[in-house]
C-alpha atoms as a PDB file:
ATOM      1  CA  MET A   1     156.302 160.919   6.551  1.00  0.00           C
ATOM      2  CA  TYR A   2     152.538 160.775   6.142  1.00  0.00           C
ATOM      3  CA  LEU A   3     150.362 163.776   6.797  1.00  0.00           C
ATOM      4  CA  THR A   4     146.723 163.630   7.729  1.00  0.00           C
ATOM      5  CA  GLN A   5     144.078 166.261   7.498  1.00  0.00           C
ATOM      6  CA  SER A   6     140.859 166.273   9.475  1.00  0.00           C
ATOM      7  CA  ASN A   7     138.011 168.106   7.843  1.00  0.00           C
ATOM      8  CA  VAL A   8     134.829 169.404   9.372  1.00  0.00           C
ATOM      9  CA  ILE A   9     132.255 169.153   6.661  1.00  0.00           C
ATOM     10  CA  ARG A  10     129.672 171.920   6.570  1.00  0.00           C
ATOM     11  CA  GLY A  11     126.989 172.974   4.152  1.00  0.00           C
ATOM     12  CA  LEU A  12     125.836 169.494   3.183  1.00  0.00           C
ATOM     13  CA  SER A  13     122.368 168.861   1.888  1.00  0.00           C
ATOM     14  CA  LYS A  14     120.150 166.637   4.016  1.00  0.00           C
ATOM     15  CA  GLN A  15     120.632 163.803   1.545  1.00  0.00           C
ATOM     16  CA  ASP A  16     124.440 164.106   1.585  1.00  0.00           C
ATOM     17  CA  TYR A  17     124.473 164.325   5.384  1.00  0.00           C
ATOM     18  CA  ALA A  18     122.289 161.212   5.674  1.00  0.00           C
ATOM     19  CA  MET A  19     124.582 159.332   3.274  1.00  0.00           C
ATOM     20  CA  LEU A  20     127.719 160.352   5.190  1.00  0.00           C
ATOM     21  CA  ARG A  21     126.120 159.428   8.498  1.00  0.00           C
ATOM     22  CA  GLU A  22     125.111 156.025   7.113  1.00  0.00           C
ATOM     23  CA  MET A  23     128.652 155.396   5.858  1.00  0.00           C
ATOM     24  CA  CYS A  24     130.024 156.219   9.333  1.00  0.00           C
ATOM     25  CA  GLN A  25     127.609 153.661  10.787  1.00  0.00           C
ATOM     26  CA  TYR A  26     128.810 151.036   8.290  1.00  0.00           C
ATOM     27  CA  SER A  27     132.348 151.921   9.345  1.00  0.00           C
ATOM     28  CA  ASN A  28     131.426 151.386  13.000  1.00  0.00           C
ATOM     29  CA  ASN A  29     129.801 148.044  12.190  1.00  0.00           C
ATOM     30  CA  LEU A  30     132.825 146.855  10.212  1.00  0.00           C
ATOM     31  CA  TYR A  31     135.176 147.810  13.051  1.00  0.00           C
ATOM     32  CA  ASN A  32     133.036 145.757  15.446  1.00  0.00           C
ATOM     33  CA  VAL A  33     133.112 142.800  13.031  1.00  0.00           C
ATOM     34  CA  ALA A  34     136.917 142.988  12.881  1.00  0.00           C
ATOM     35  CA  VAL A  35     137.191 143.212  16.674  1.00  0.00           C
ATOM     36  CA  TYR A  36     134.788 140.274  17.064  1.00  0.00           C
ATOM     37  CA  THR A  37     136.762 137.983  14.750  1.00  0.00           C
ATOM     38  CA  ILE A  38     140.093 138.868  16.375  1.00  0.00           C
ATOM     39  CA  ARG A  39     138.700 138.445  19.907  1.00  0.00           C
ATOM     40  CA  GLN A  40     137.085 135.085  19.108  1.00  0.00           C
ATOM     41  CA  HIS A  41     140.297 133.818  17.529  1.00  0.00           C
ATOM     42  CA  TYR A  42     142.213 134.939  20.627  1.00  0.00           C
ATOM     43  CA  PHE A  43     139.753 133.180  22.964  1.00  0.00           C
ATOM     44  CA  ASP A  44     139.995 129.967  20.915  1.00  0.00           C
ATOM     45  CA  THR A  45     143.746 129.843  20.251  1.00  0.00           C
ATOM     46  CA  HIS A  46     145.366 132.489  22.509  1.00  0.00           C
ATOM     47  CA  GLN A  47     147.044 133.862  19.389  1.00  0.00           C
ATOM     48  CA  PHE A  48     146.726 137.079  17.433  1.00  0.00           C
ATOM     49  CA  LEU A  49     144.707 137.011  14.201  1.00  0.00           C
ATOM     50  CA  ARG A  50     146.745 139.275  11.930  1.00  0.00           C
ATOM     51  CA  TYR A  51     145.262 141.669   9.379  1.00  0.00           C
ATOM     52  CA  GLU A  52     146.305 139.401   6.518  1.00  0.00           C
ATOM     53  CA  GLU A  53     144.303 136.515   8.013  1.00  0.00           C
ATOM     54  CA  ASN A  54     141.386 138.641   9.216  1.00  0.00           C
ATOM     55  CA  TYR A  55     140.896 140.470   5.916  1.00  0.00           C
ATOM     56  CA  PRO A  56     139.374 137.542   3.934  1.00  0.00           C
ATOM     57  CA  ILE A  57     136.979 136.818   6.807  1.00  0.00           C
ATOM     58  CA  CYS A  58     135.768 140.411   7.165  1.00  0.00           C
ATOM     59  CA  LYS A  59     135.626 140.923   3.404  1.00  0.00           C
ATOM     60  CA  GLU A  60     132.608 138.601   3.317  1.00  0.00           C
ATOM     61  CA  ASN A  61     130.664 140.891   5.670  1.00  0.00           C
ATOM     62  CA  GLU A  62     127.997 143.132   4.123  1.00  0.00           C
ATOM     63  CA  ASN A  63     129.399 146.261   5.789  1.00  0.00           C
ATOM     64  CA  TYR A  64     132.648 145.786   3.864  1.00  0.00           C
ATOM     65  CA  SER A  65     130.826 145.779   0.542  1.00  0.00           C
ATOM     66  CA  LEU A  66     128.864 148.916   1.462  1.00  0.00           C
ATOM     67  CA  LEU A  67     132.078 150.935   1.798  1.00  0.00           C
ATOM     68  CA  GLN A  68     134.819 151.612  -0.717  1.00  0.00           C
ATOM     69  CA  ALA A  69     137.536 148.970  -0.542  1.00  0.00           C
ATOM     70  CA  GLY A  70     140.280 151.382   0.527  1.00  0.00           C
ATOM     71  CA  VAL A  71     138.137 152.852   3.291  1.00  0.00           C
ATOM     72  CA  ALA A  72     137.121 149.397   4.527  1.00  0.00           C
ATOM     73  CA  GLN A  73     140.731 148.194   4.556  1.00  0.00           C
ATOM     74  CA  GLN A  74     141.775 151.184   6.664  1.00  0.00           C
ATOM     75  CA  ILE A  75     139.074 150.314   9.208  1.00  0.00           C
ATOM     76  CA  LEU A  76     140.355 146.740   9.425  1.00  0.00           C
ATOM     77  CA  LYS A  77     143.894 148.064   9.882  1.00  0.00           C
ATOM     78  CA  MET A  78     142.714 150.282  12.764  1.00  0.00           C
ATOM     79  CA  ALA A  79     141.322 147.221  14.539  1.00  0.00           C
ATOM     80  CA  ASP A  80     144.595 145.416  13.822  1.00  0.00           C
ATOM     81  CA  ARG A  81     146.603 148.272  15.372  1.00  0.00           C
ATOM     82  CA  SER A  82     144.429 148.197  18.498  1.00  0.00           C
ATOM     83  CA  PHE A  83     145.177 144.519  19.014  1.00  0.00           C
ATOM     84  CA  ARG A  84     148.880 144.912  18.202  1.00  0.00           C
ATOM     85  CA  SER A  85     148.999 147.452  21.010  1.00  0.00           C
ATOM     86  CA  PHE A  86     147.196 145.029  23.338  1.00  0.00           C
ATOM     87  CA  PHE A  87     149.626 142.209  22.579  1.00  0.00           C
ATOM     88  CA  GLY A  88     152.576 144.583  22.966  1.00  0.00           C
ATOM     89  CA  LEU A  89     151.315 145.446  26.443  1.00  0.00           C
ATOM     90  CA  LEU A  90     150.965 141.740  27.245  1.00  0.00           C
ATOM     91  CA  GLN A  91     154.634 141.281  26.409  1.00  0.00           C
ATOM     92  CA  LYS A  92     155.535 144.186  28.709  1.00  0.00           C
ATOM     93  CA  VAL A  93     153.480 142.585  31.495  1.00  0.00           C
ATOM     94  CA  LYS A  94     155.382 139.308  31.049  1.00  0.00           C
ATOM     95  CA  ALA A  95     158.662 141.214  31.197  1.00  0.00           C
ATOM     96  CA  GLY A  96     157.515 142.981  34.378  1.00  0.00           C
ATOM     97  CA  ASP A  97     157.552 146.458  32.853  1.00  0.00           C
ATOM     98  CA  TYR A  98     153.805 147.079  33.139  1.00  0.00           C
ATOM     99  CA  GLN A  99     150.988 146.348  35.594  1.00  0.00           C
ATOM    100  CA  SER A 100     148.668 143.586  34.424  1.00  0.00           C
ATOM    101  CA  LYS A 101     145.524 145.182  35.869  1.00  0.00           C
ATOM    102  CA  ASP A 102     145.786 147.996  33.307  1.00  0.00           C
ATOM    103  CA  VAL A 103     145.800 145.688  30.257  1.00  0.00           C
ATOM    104  CA  ARG A 104     142.430 144.908  28.696  1.00  0.00           C
ATOM    105  CA  LEU A 105     141.259 143.570  25.371  1.00  0.00           C
ATOM    106  CA  PRO A 106     140.030 146.231  22.953  1.00  0.00           C
ATOM    107  CA  HIS A 107     136.296 146.699  23.343  1.00  0.00           C
ATOM    108  CA  TYR A 108     133.518 146.896  20.812  1.00  0.00           C
ATOM    109  CA  ARG A 109     132.213 150.269  19.754  1.00  0.00           C
ATOM    110  CA  GLU A 110     128.677 151.304  20.617  1.00  0.00           C
ATOM    111  CA  LYS A 111     126.071 149.727  18.346  1.00  0.00           C
ATOM    112  CA  GLY A 112     124.585 152.301  15.995  1.00  0.00           C
ATOM    113  CA  GLY A 113     127.486 154.673  16.637  1.00  0.00           C
ATOM    114  CA  TRP A 114     129.785 156.365  14.167  1.00  0.00           C
ATOM    115  CA  PHE A 115     133.390 155.594  13.321  1.00  0.00           C
ATOM    116  CA  HIS A 116     136.071 157.254  11.203  1.00  0.00           C
ATOM    117  CA  LEU A 117     136.059 157.215   7.443  1.00  0.00           C
ATOM    118  CA  SER A 118     139.684 157.307   6.341  1.00  0.00           C
ATOM    119  CA  CYS A 119     139.707 158.452   2.746  1.00  0.00           C
ATOM    120  CA  ARG A 120     142.719 158.918   0.559  1.00  0.00           C
ATOM    121  CA  ARG A 121     143.009 162.105  -1.388  1.00  0.00           C
ATOM    122  CA  THR A 122     142.389 160.223  -4.635  1.00  0.00           C
ATOM    123  CA  LEU A 123     139.051 158.933  -3.345  1.00  0.00           C
ATOM    124  CA  SER A 124     137.501 162.328  -2.771  1.00  0.00           C
ATOM    125  CA  THR A 125     136.770 165.303  -4.930  1.00  0.00           C
ATOM    126  CA  SER A 126     136.142 168.860  -3.891  1.00  0.00           C
ATOM    127  CA  ARG A 127     134.101 171.530  -5.548  1.00  0.00           C
ATOM    128  CA  MET A 128     134.885 175.187  -5.136  1.00  0.00           C
ATOM    129  CA  GLY A 129     131.959 177.484  -4.544  1.00  0.00           C
ATOM    130  CA  SER A 130     128.970 175.162  -4.467  1.00  0.00           C
END
């Protein structure tokens, strides 16, 4: 079982806050890139572009290189999970277990917005006191 911990970060300097905010914007941009590539592939082929196929495409994007690789991969996996859910609902619609009017493609996030930064424990350090 995996455990997650959400942290509210307080006491940052203006420079650290600006850096964290910028990284959250890169995260948002990368999520939108992943959603765009999956949506376009779906419109062209009516098939799901899996994470393994989407990863090399999104890896070429500048937002990927501005984030740590592990963080960027988690963002791509979040987009993948959103579309897996969408396609799972499509299968339920075909089986008659769900209403089709409620099923919609995952949308883009707001431009200039913030998105999660999923960091592993090994990627972060903490300082006591200062």
